Amino acid sequence: MERYFRQYGEVADVAIMRDKHSNKSRGFAFVTFRERTRQGVEALHKMLLQPARPHILLGRDIEIRVSDGSKPPDSFLDKNRSRQNSRS
C-alpha cells in the first residue's frame, strides 16, 4: 500500500485496520502524507480525490476519503521502524 501511494507524495505512515480477534484486514486503512503546505495538500486532494482514472490496488478499486484527522494507534510504518531500530 505504501508503494502505491508514494507516487503521490512522501508517505509518513500507513495504518491498516485489522480485526482485533482474527487479525484480518477490516478493508480500510489510513495513509498519512508528510506534505504540510496548503498548496501541496490541495494538490494531493486533487490527485487523490479527483483522479483521471480509478485507484486500483491489488486488482481492487479503492475509495479515497479525507480523514477527520485522528490517528489510529497501531500504524504499519511505526511498527516496522520499531523493529528496525531494535535490530540496530
Protein backbone atom coordinates (compact mmCIF):
# COMPACT_ATOMS: atom_id res chain seq x y z
CA MET A 1 0.00 0.00 0.00
CA GLU A 2 2.81 2.39 0.85
CA ARG A 3 4.41 1.77 -2.54
CA TYR A 4 1.18 2.67 -4.35
CA PHE A 5 0.67 5.95 -2.50
CA ARG A 6 4.33 7.03 -2.80
CA GLN A 7 3.59 8.08 -6.37
CA TYR A 8 1.51 10.94 -4.91
CA GLY A 9 3.96 12.17 -2.28
CA GLU A 10 6.12 11.23 0.68
CA VAL A 11 4.21 8.77 2.86
CA ALA A 12 4.68 9.35 6.57
CA ASP A 13 2.52 6.49 7.84
CA VAL A 14 0.21 3.64 6.83
CA ALA A 15 -2.23 2.11 9.32
CA ILE A 16 -4.12 -0.93 8.05
CA MET A 17 -7.10 -1.53 10.30
CA ARG A 18 -7.42 -5.14 11.46
CA ASP A 19 -9.97 -7.09 13.44
CA LYS A 20 -8.58 -7.43 16.97
CA HIS A 21 -9.68 -11.08 17.27
CA SER A 22 -8.83 -12.56 13.86
CA ASN A 23 -6.15 -10.02 12.81
CA LYS A 24 -7.75 -9.96 9.34
CA SER A 25 -7.91 -6.67 7.48
CA ARG A 26 -11.14 -4.78 8.06
CA GLY A 27 -10.94 -3.47 4.49
CA PHE A 28 -9.70 0.05 5.13
CA ALA A 29 -6.54 1.88 6.06
CA PHE A 30 -5.22 5.33 6.87
CA VAL A 31 -2.39 6.80 4.79
CA THR A 32 -0.65 9.92 6.09
CA PHE A 33 1.46 12.10 3.82
CA ARG A 34 4.25 14.40 5.02
CA GLU A 35 3.04 17.32 2.89
CA ARG A 36 2.17 20.31 5.07
CA THR A 37 1.89 23.31 2.75
CA ARG A 38 -1.58 24.40 1.74
CA GLN A 39 -0.67 24.23 -1.94
CA GLY A 40 0.78 20.73 -1.55
CA VAL A 41 -2.24 19.45 0.37
CA GLU A 42 -4.59 20.90 -2.25
CA ALA A 43 -2.59 19.18 -4.99
CA LEU A 44 -2.76 15.87 -3.10
CA HIS A 45 -6.52 16.23 -2.67
CA LYS A 46 -6.95 16.87 -6.39
CA MET A 47 -4.81 13.88 -7.42
CA LEU A 48 -6.34 11.51 -4.90
CA LEU A 49 -9.96 12.63 -4.73
CA GLN A 50 -10.48 13.60 -8.39
CA PRO A 51 -8.32 11.10 -10.28
CA ALA A 52 -8.29 10.81 -14.06
CA ARG A 53 -8.87 7.06 -13.62
CA PRO A 54 -9.97 4.94 -10.63
CA HIS A 55 -7.44 3.94 -7.99
CA ILE A 56 -6.79 0.19 -8.21
CA LEU A 57 -4.68 -1.65 -5.64
CA LEU A 58 -4.07 -5.40 -5.92
CA GLY A 59 -6.82 -5.66 -8.51
CA ARG A 60 -9.43 -3.92 -6.33
CA ASP A 61 -10.95 -0.49 -6.81
CA ILE A 62 -10.21 1.59 -3.75
CA GLU A 63 -12.12 4.57 -2.46
CA ILE A 64 -10.14 7.52 -1.12
CA ARG A 65 -11.57 9.81 1.54
CA VAL A 66 -10.12 12.56 3.69
CA SER A 67 -9.71 11.57 7.34
CA ASP A 68 -11.10 13.56 10.25
CA GLY A 69 -7.53 13.90 11.50
CA SER A 70 -7.49 11.29 14.25
CA LYS A 71 -4.61 8.82 14.03
CA PRO A 72 -5.09 5.11 14.70
CA PRO A 73 -2.88 3.75 17.47
CA ASP A 74 -1.34 0.88 15.51
CA SER A 75 0.35 2.12 12.38
CA PHE A 76 2.23 -0.13 9.99
CA LEU A 77 5.23 2.13 9.46
CA ASP A 78 5.66 2.81 13.19
CA LYS A 79 5.78 -0.95 13.86
CA ASN A 80 8.31 -1.52 11.07
CA ARG A 81 10.51 1.33 12.33
CA SER A 82 10.38 -0.09 15.87
CA ARG A 83 11.52 -3.49 14.60
CA GLN A 84 14.33 -1.93 12.56
CA ASN A 85 15.51 0.20 15.50
CA SER A 86 15.52 -2.79 17.86
CA ARG A 87 17.77 -4.70 15.44
CA SER A 88 20.32 -1.87 15.35
